[in-house]
Amino acid sequence: MTRKACLVGPAYPYRGGIAHFTSVLAKEFEKDHDVLVVNFKRLYPSFLFPGKTQYDESNSPVAVDTERCIDSLNPVSFWRTAKAIARFEPDLVVFQWWQPFFAVAYMAIIFCLNRIDKRYASRIVFLCHNVLPHESSPIDRVLIRIGFKMVNSFLVHSSEDRQNLLTLKGDPKVEVHPLPIFDMFVRERYTRESAREELGVSGRVVLFFGYIRAYKGLGVLLDGFARSLKEIDATLFVVGEFYEGKERYMSMIEDLGLRDRVVVVDRYVPNEEVEKYFVACDVVALPYLSATQSAIVQVAFSFHRPVIVTAVGGLPEVVEDGVTGYVVQKNDPEALAGALLKFFEEGKTVEMEQNIAKTKVRFSWSRCKELLLGLAGERGAGAPRR
């Protein structure tokens, strides 16, 4: 009998890395499972969302069929969602966890699901992209404990998140698996030359990609990049929607004399354009001040692009210093400048790209799926029946 898996979390038409993750994981499960993806019909209330839109406006979305049940502000939808899951009778229910705002909704859905059949409790796994949010508050920890109260099986993406989990949740079953490769943007539409021609750039190219928020450390990168220009000639692309402080960063660019060396693309980049920026660049910089992991590393690796990351969270666990990129201390512009100089002066591009091609098997979707199934118990065990 074909086994069944239910994935709960945002998916298309919502945008962003979690939505992409849900869709690609669903496709992995579809290889040997019947799959139900339970999506949101309302994700964030508009006043809580800092961006321009919550929806993916790409011409080529990363999408799977979903059942849009969950309204984050409507408790009636929590009971309806639980009934929809129970009707499917899954062997495994995976909740995507990334934001404490959804703790009450998730707890209510699980409570209702257990009221329908208590045996579902052993089939529920939380897949935690971040146990704690990047910019957390005391209320977040209260909400997290609420959200985790009725769950005992977790998959996290870094050792730091495992430790965060253990401080919040007694003695859970927990597995660690790095974020899998985000290869959904590899379309093979561009060569290095055609991508650079379209972007109007040549020479050495550094890329900063993704939402701009305080913890991403863009200011540190701008400072470090300016220092590196004393010895090399390069262009920095800053590509992503500003969630805070655009004026501050634009002033930094002016004050550091970078107007002709920094290209700012202030928007959420649709899926079909992502490839262009990664193919065009030589190296991707992630100067984060805090992190547990980053999908941007896995996007870079999908294009075999080396990365320069800071020694925060799980980033040193996925980047081999001097092999697939460089790891430097956080909040250190001089160290960032040194890594950029070392990368370009030692001509590491080809060597590192080859190393990435060899090692990216570590970041497999199939292994992620196997660990989720293991956390839900015996593979041969049947689904709870009503």
Protein backbone atom coordinates (compact mmCIF):
# COMPACT_ATOMS: atom_id res chain seq x y z
CA MET A 1 0.00 0.00 0.00
CA THR A 2 1.34 3.45 -0.93
CA ARG A 3 2.31 5.44 2.11
CA LYS A 4 1.07 8.97 2.69
CA ALA A 5 2.84 12.16 3.77
CA CYS A 6 1.25 15.47 4.69
CA LEU A 7 3.31 18.68 4.62
CA VAL A 8 1.95 21.71 6.48
CA GLY A 9 3.35 25.14 5.65
CA PRO A 10 3.42 27.96 3.14
CA ALA A 11 3.75 27.11 -0.54
CA TYR A 12 2.94 28.86 -3.81
CA PRO A 13 1.27 31.37 -4.29
CA TYR A 14 3.36 32.61 -1.35
CA ARG A 15 6.93 33.61 -2.09
CA GLY A 16 10.24 33.01 -0.38
CA GLY A 17 12.54 30.23 0.73
CA ILE A 18 10.11 28.40 3.04
CA ALA A 19 7.48 28.24 0.29
CA HIS A 20 10.08 26.95 -2.16
CA PHE A 21 11.27 24.40 0.40
CA THR A 22 7.74 23.05 0.94
CA SER A 23 7.21 22.54 -2.79
CA VAL A 24 10.54 20.83 -3.45
CA LEU A 25 10.20 18.56 -0.40
CA ALA A 26 6.71 17.61 -1.60
CA LYS A 27 8.14 16.63 -4.97
CA GLU A 28 10.74 14.48 -3.21
CA PHE A 29 8.02 12.69 -1.20
CA GLU A 30 5.93 12.21 -4.34
CA LYS A 31 8.55 9.75 -5.61
CA ASP A 32 7.22 7.07 -3.25
CA HIS A 33 4.30 8.61 -1.30
CA ASP A 34 0.89 10.05 -1.84
CA VAL A 35 1.28 13.65 -0.71
CA LEU A 36 -1.05 16.30 0.69
CA VAL A 37 0.32 19.83 1.04
CA VAL A 38 -1.74 21.89 3.49
CA ASN A 39 -1.15 25.54 2.64
CA PHE A 40 -2.27 28.86 4.11
CA LYS A 41 -5.15 30.85 2.71
CA ARG A 42 -3.97 33.76 4.86
CA LEU A 43 -0.35 33.79 5.99
CA TYR A 44 0.69 37.05 7.67
CA PRO A 45 -1.80 39.83 8.32
CA SER A 46 -0.67 42.72 6.15
CA PHE A 47 0.39 44.90 9.11
CA LEU A 48 2.98 42.28 10.18
CA PHE A 49 4.56 41.81 6.76
CA PRO A 50 7.44 44.23 6.04
CA GLY A 51 7.74 43.57 2.29
CA LYS A 52 5.81 44.81 -0.71
CA THR A 53 3.81 41.62 -1.26
CA GLN A 54 3.57 38.14 0.25
CA TYR A 55 2.84 36.58 -3.14
CA ASP A 56 5.14 35.12 -5.76
CA GLU A 57 4.80 37.08 -8.98
CA SER A 58 7.26 34.93 -10.93
CA ASN A 59 6.38 33.75 -14.42
CA SER A 60 7.72 30.29 -13.52
CA PRO A 61 6.70 29.55 -9.92
CA VAL A 62 8.06 26.65 -7.88
CA ALA A 63 4.65 25.09 -7.28
CA VAL A 64 2.77 21.93 -6.33
CA ASP A 65 -0.92 21.27 -5.79
CA THR A 66 -2.00 22.38 -2.33
CA GLU A 67 -5.10 22.57 -0.16
CA ARG A 68 -5.31 26.13 1.17
CA CYS A 69 -6.89 25.66 4.60
CA ILE A 70 -5.11 27.69 7.26
CA ASP A 71 -6.14 31.23 8.06
CA SER A 72 -3.61 32.40 10.65
CA LEU A 73 -6.24 34.65 12.28
CA ASN A 74 -9.31 32.41 12.10
CA PRO A 75 -9.57 29.64 14.74
CA VAL A 76 -12.37 27.94 12.82
CA SER A 77 -9.86 27.18 10.07
CA PHE A 78 -7.68 25.28 12.55
CA TRP A 79 -10.40 22.67 13.13
CA ARG A 80 -11.13 22.46 9.41
CA THR A 81 -7.44 21.95 8.71
CA ALA A 82 -7.20 19.12 11.22
CA LYS A 83 -10.20 17.41 9.62
CA ALA A 84 -8.65 17.77 6.16
CA ILE A 85 -5.43 16.15 7.38
CA ALA A 86 -7.32 13.33 9.13
CA ARG A 87 -9.37 12.58 6.00
CA PHE A 88 -6.10 12.01 4.13
CA GLU A 89 -4.93 9.55 6.86
CA PRO A 90 -1.19 10.29 6.57
CA ASP A 91 1.63 8.20 7.97
CA LEU A 92 3.68 11.36 8.52
CA VAL A 93 2.70 14.99 9.16
CA VAL A 94 5.49 17.55 8.77
CA PHE A 95 4.92 21.09 10.03
CA GLN A 96 7.30 23.75 8.67
CA TRP A 97 8.39 25.90 11.64
CA TRP A 98 10.12 29.23 11.15
CA GLN A 99 8.16 31.94 12.98
CA PRO A 100 6.58 31.96 16.50
CA PHE A 101 3.63 33.95 15.15
CA PHE A 102 2.17 30.63 13.94
CA ALA A 103 2.57 28.81 17.27
CA VAL A 104 -1.06 29.13 18.35
CA ALA A 105 -2.38 28.03 14.96
CA TYR A 106 -0.10 25.00 14.86
CA MET A 107 -0.85 24.00 18.46
CA ALA A 108 -4.60 24.26 17.79
CA ILE A 109 -4.38 22.15 14.63
CA ILE A 110 -2.37 19.48 16.46
CA PHE A 111 -4.76 19.54 19.42
CA CYS A 112 -7.71 19.02 17.09
CA LEU A 113 -5.88 16.30 15.17
CA ASN A 114 -5.15 14.43 18.39
CA ARG A 115 -8.80 14.75 19.41
CA ILE A 116 -9.72 12.98 16.18
CA ASP A 117 -7.18 10.22 16.84
CA LYS A 118 -4.47 10.27 19.53
CA ARG A 119 -2.21 8.04 17.46
CA TYR A 120 -1.45 10.97 15.17
CA ALA A 121 0.80 12.39 17.91
CA SER A 122 3.57 9.93 17.00
CA ARG A 123 3.38 10.88 13.31
CA ILE A 124 3.95 14.63 13.74
CA VAL A 125 7.39 16.14 13.09
CA PHE A 126 8.39 19.81 13.23
CA LEU A 127 10.92 20.75 10.54
CA CYS A 128 12.57 23.84 12.03
CA HIS A 129 14.17 26.32 9.66
CA ASN A 130 14.84 28.53 12.69
CA VAL A 131 13.97 27.44 16.21
CA LEU A 132 14.27 31.07 17.28
CA PRO A 133 13.61 33.98 14.92
CA HIS A 134 16.59 36.11 13.90
CA GLU A 135 15.34 39.11 15.87
CA SER A 136 13.61 37.51 18.84
CA SER A 137 11.87 38.87 21.94
CA PRO A 138 10.82 37.32 25.28
CA ILE A 139 7.29 36.76 23.93
CA ASP A 140 8.78 34.65 21.15
CA ARG A 141 10.08 32.11 23.67
CA VAL A 142 6.64 31.90 25.27
CA LEU A 143 5.04 31.29 21.87
CA ILE A 144 7.68 28.73 20.93
CA ARG A 145 7.01 26.71 24.07
CA ILE A 146 3.31 26.81 23.21
CA GLY A 147 3.98 25.67 19.66
CA PHE A 148 6.32 22.87 20.74
CA LYS A 149 4.20 21.67 23.68
CA MET A 150 2.44 18.79 21.90
CA VAL A 151 5.32 17.73 19.62
CA ASN A 152 8.35 15.60 20.45
CA SER A 153 10.05 14.99 17.06
CA PHE A 154 12.12 17.65 15.33
CA LEU A 155 14.45 18.06 12.37
CA VAL A 156 16.74 21.10 12.49
CA HIS A 157 19.33 22.44 10.06
CA SER A 158 22.26 23.23 12.37
CA SER A 159 23.91 22.25 15.65
CA GLU A 160 23.11 25.70 17.03
CA ASP A 161 19.41 25.16 16.38
CA ARG A 162 19.63 21.75 18.02
CA GLN A 163 21.04 23.44 21.11
CA ASN A 164 18.35 26.13 20.97
CA LEU A 165 15.73 23.41 20.83
CA LEU A 166 17.17 21.55 23.82
CA THR A 167 16.99 24.70 25.94
CA LEU A 168 13.29 25.06 25.15
CA LYS A 169 12.06 21.48 25.00
CA GLY A 170 13.02 18.84 27.59
CA ASP A 171 14.21 15.70 25.80
CA PRO A 172 12.95 15.71 22.21
CA LYS A 173 13.78 13.33 19.39
CA VAL A 174 15.91 15.49 17.12
CA GLU A 175 17.91 15.02 13.94
CA VAL A 176 20.24 17.54 12.27
CA HIS A 177 20.41 17.85 8.50
CA PRO A 178 21.72 20.90 6.62
CA LEU A 179 19.44 22.70 4.23
CA PRO A 180 19.34 20.74 0.98
CA ILE A 181 20.59 22.23 -2.28
CA PHE A 182 18.22 24.88 -3.64
CA ASP A 183 18.63 23.94 -7.31
CA MET A 184 15.14 25.00 -8.40
CA PHE A 185 16.58 28.16 -9.97
CA VAL A 186 19.05 26.36 -12.26
CA ARG A 187 17.48 26.83 -15.69
CA GLU A 188 20.61 26.84 -17.89
CA ARG A 189 19.34 29.92 -19.71
CA TYR A 190 22.53 31.90 -19.16
CA THR A 191 26.22 31.54 -19.71
CA ARG A 192 28.62 33.61 -17.67
CA GLU A 193 29.11 35.88 -20.68
CA SER A 194 25.42 36.34 -21.50
CA ALA A 195 24.50 36.98 -17.85
CA ARG A 196 27.20 39.64 -17.53
CA GLU A 197 26.22 41.23 -20.82
CA GLU A 198 22.60 41.53 -19.69
CA LEU A 199 23.68 43.01 -16.36
CA GLY A 200 26.21 45.32 -17.99
CA VAL A 201 29.12 44.19 -15.83
CA SER A 202 32.62 42.83 -16.36
CA GLY A 203 35.69 42.03 -14.28
CA ARG A 204 35.45 40.76 -10.71
CA VAL A 205 31.88 40.49 -9.39
CA VAL A 206 30.73 39.97 -5.78
CA LEU A 207 27.08 39.20 -5.02
CA PHE A 208 24.99 39.91 -1.91
CA PHE A 209 21.56 38.34 -2.44
CA GLY A 210 18.33 38.19 -0.42
CA TYR A 211 16.14 40.31 1.84
CA ILE A 212 18.04 43.16 3.46
CA ARG A 213 17.54 43.08 7.23
CA ALA A 214 19.77 44.22 10.09
CA TYR A 215 21.11 40.74 10.93
CA LYS A 216 22.34 40.23 7.35
CA GLY A 217 25.32 42.55 7.97
CA LEU A 218 25.21 44.49 4.70
CA GLY A 219 26.84 47.51 6.35
CA VAL A 220 29.84 45.38 7.33
CA LEU A 221 30.13 44.12 3.76
CA LEU A 222 30.03 47.64 2.31
CA ASP A 223 32.84 48.68 4.66
CA GLY A 224 34.90 45.58 3.88
CA PHE A 225 34.29 45.88 0.14
CA ALA A 226 35.46 49.51 0.18
CA ARG A 227 38.69 48.42 1.89
CA SER A 228 39.29 45.69 -0.69
CA LEU A 229 39.04 48.22 -3.53
CA LYS A 230 42.34 49.72 -2.41
CA GLU A 231 44.03 46.66 -3.95
CA ILE A 232 41.59 45.17 -6.47
CA ASP A 233 39.01 46.37 -8.96
CA ALA A 234 35.56 44.80 -8.47
CA THR A 235 31.80 45.37 -8.59
CA LEU A 236 29.36 44.49 -5.80
CA PHE A 237 25.75 43.62 -6.62
CA VAL A 238 23.28 44.08 -3.74
CA VAL A 239 20.16 42.25 -4.89
CA GLY A 240 17.05 42.01 -2.73
CA GLU A 241 14.13 43.84 -1.21
CA PHE A 242 15.00 46.20 1.64
CA TYR A 243 13.04 45.31 4.77
CA GLU A 244 14.68 48.12 6.72
CA GLY A 245 17.13 51.00 6.49
CA LYS A 246 17.57 51.53 2.75
CA GLU A 247 18.48 55.19 3.24
CA ARG A 248 21.19 54.24 5.72
CA TYR A 249 22.83 51.86 3.26
CA MET A 250 22.57 54.27 0.35
CA SER A 251 24.25 56.92 2.51
CA MET A 252 27.04 54.45 3.33
CA ILE A 253 27.56 53.79 -0.37
CA GLU A 254 27.94 57.52 -0.96
CA ASP A 255 30.15 58.15 2.08
CA LEU A 256 32.48 55.25 1.19
CA GLY A 257 32.81 56.43 -2.40
CA LEU A 258 31.16 53.31 -3.80
CA ARG A 259 28.59 54.88 -6.10
CA ASP A 260 30.33 53.50 -9.22
CA ARG A 261 31.19 50.16 -7.64
CA VAL A 262 27.90 49.03 -6.07
CA VAL A 263 24.78 48.11 -8.07
CA VAL A 264 21.61 48.04 -5.93
CA VAL A 265 18.62 46.02 -7.16
CA ASP A 266 15.92 46.83 -4.61
CA ARG A 267 13.25 44.22 -5.33
CA TYR A 268 12.27 40.63 -4.79
CA VAL A 269 13.81 38.82 -7.75
CA PRO A 270 11.39 36.48 -9.57
CA ASN A 271 12.47 32.86 -9.96
CA GLU A 272 13.34 33.14 -13.63
CA GLU A 273 15.88 35.93 -12.92
CA VAL A 274 17.73 34.38 -9.98
CA GLU A 275 20.07 32.38 -12.22
CA LYS A 276 21.34 35.51 -13.98
CA TYR A 277 22.88 37.01 -10.84
CA PHE A 278 24.53 33.82 -9.58
CA VAL A 279 25.94 32.83 -12.97
CA ALA A 280 27.35 36.35 -13.46
CA CYS A 281 29.16 36.56 -10.12
CA ASP A 282 32.50 35.12 -8.98
CA VAL A 283 31.69 34.81 -5.27
CA VAL A 284 28.69 35.27 -2.98
CA ALA A 285 29.10 37.18 0.29
CA LEU A 286 27.01 36.45 3.40
CA PRO A 287 28.32 38.78 6.13
CA TYR A 288 25.60 37.77 8.63
CA LEU A 289 25.73 38.97 12.20
CA SER A 290 23.53 36.07 13.31
CA ALA A 291 22.15 32.99 11.56
CA THR A 292 21.31 29.36 12.03
CA GLN A 293 21.66 28.53 8.33
CA SER A 294 20.99 30.22 4.99
CA ALA A 295 19.27 29.13 1.81
CA ILE A 296 21.46 31.60 -0.08
CA VAL A 297 24.48 29.34 0.51
CA GLN A 298 22.56 26.44 -1.02
CA VAL A 299 21.46 28.54 -4.00
CA ALA A 300 25.10 29.57 -4.54
CA PHE A 301 26.25 25.94 -4.31
CA SER A 302 23.63 24.90 -6.87
CA PHE A 303 25.48 27.16 -9.32
CA HIS A 304 28.88 25.98 -7.97
CA ARG A 305 29.62 29.48 -6.71
CA PRO A 306 32.01 29.85 -3.73
CA VAL A 307 30.83 31.83 -0.72
CA ILE A 308 32.33 34.05 1.96
CA VAL A 309 30.40 33.61 5.21
CA THR A 310 30.76 34.65 8.82
CA ALA A 311 31.32 32.20 11.66
CA VAL A 312 27.75 32.31 12.98
CA GLY A 313 25.17 29.58 13.49
CA GLY A 314 25.38 26.66 11.11
CA LEU A 315 27.24 28.47 8.33
CA PRO A 316 30.68 27.02 9.26
CA GLU A 317 29.06 23.57 9.20
CA VAL A 318 28.20 23.82 5.51
CA VAL A 319 31.12 25.91 4.19
CA GLU A 320 34.58 24.31 4.26
CA ASP A 321 37.04 27.13 4.86
CA GLY A 322 39.47 27.38 1.95
CA VAL A 323 37.70 24.55 0.11
CA THR A 324 34.20 25.71 -0.85
CA GLY A 325 34.60 29.28 0.37
CA TYR A 326 35.95 31.26 3.30
CA VAL A 327 34.72 31.61 6.87
CA VAL A 328 35.56 34.87 8.68
CA GLN A 329 34.67 36.41 12.01
CA LYS A 330 31.40 38.31 12.16
CA ASN A 331 31.21 42.10 12.23
CA ASP A 332 34.78 42.40 10.97
CA PRO A 333 35.11 44.49 7.78
CA GLU A 334 38.88 43.95 7.66
CA ALA A 335 38.41 40.16 7.71
CA LEU A 336 35.84 40.39 4.91
CA ALA A 337 38.20 42.55 2.86
CA GLY A 338 40.99 40.03 3.46
CA ALA A 339 38.82 37.12 2.30
CA LEU A 340 37.84 38.97 -0.87
CA LEU A 341 41.47 39.80 -1.62
CA LYS A 342 42.59 36.24 -0.94
CA PHE A 343 39.87 34.80 -3.17
CA PHE A 344 40.68 36.98 -6.15
CA GLU A 345 44.47 37.18 -5.76
CA GLU A 346 44.94 33.43 -5.34
CA GLY A 347 42.62 32.63 -8.29
CA LYS A 348 40.56 30.11 -6.33
CA THR A 349 37.43 30.28 -8.51
CA VAL A 350 37.86 27.10 -10.59
CA GLU A 351 39.25 25.02 -7.72
CA MET A 352 36.44 25.96 -5.37
CA GLU A 353 33.75 25.43 -8.00
CA GLN A 354 35.10 21.91 -8.57
CA ASN A 355 35.13 21.25 -4.81
CA ILE A 356 31.50 22.37 -4.51
CA ALA A 357 30.46 20.04 -7.34
CA LYS A 358 32.05 17.13 -5.48
CA THR A 359 30.67 17.89 -2.01
CA LYS A 360 27.12 19.09 -2.64
CA VAL A 361 25.87 15.49 -2.37
CA ARG A 362 25.93 16.19 1.40
CA PHE A 363 22.89 18.37 0.95
CA SER A 364 20.40 15.89 -0.47
CA TRP A 365 16.62 16.08 -0.36
CA SER A 366 16.40 12.28 -0.16
CA ARG A 367 18.38 12.20 3.09
CA CYS A 368 16.15 14.93 4.54
CA LYS A 369 13.12 12.80 3.68
CA GLU A 370 14.64 9.68 5.23
CA LEU A 371 15.29 11.47 8.52
CA LEU A 372 11.73 12.81 8.65
CA LEU A 373 10.37 9.30 8.11
CA GLY A 374 12.65 7.94 10.81
CA LEU A 375 11.48 10.55 13.29
CA ALA A 376 7.89 9.45 12.66
CA GLY A 377 8.67 5.89 13.72
CA GLU A 378 8.80 2.57 11.93
CA ARG A 379 8.51 2.86 8.17
CA GLY A 380 6.24 -0.14 8.08
CA ALA A 381 3.81 1.20 10.66
CA GLY A 382 0.39 2.04 9.30
CA ALA A 383 -1.32 5.37 9.61
CA PRO A 384 -3.67 5.87 12.50
CA ARG A 385 -7.24 5.15 11.48
CA ARG A 386 -10.42 6.75 12.65
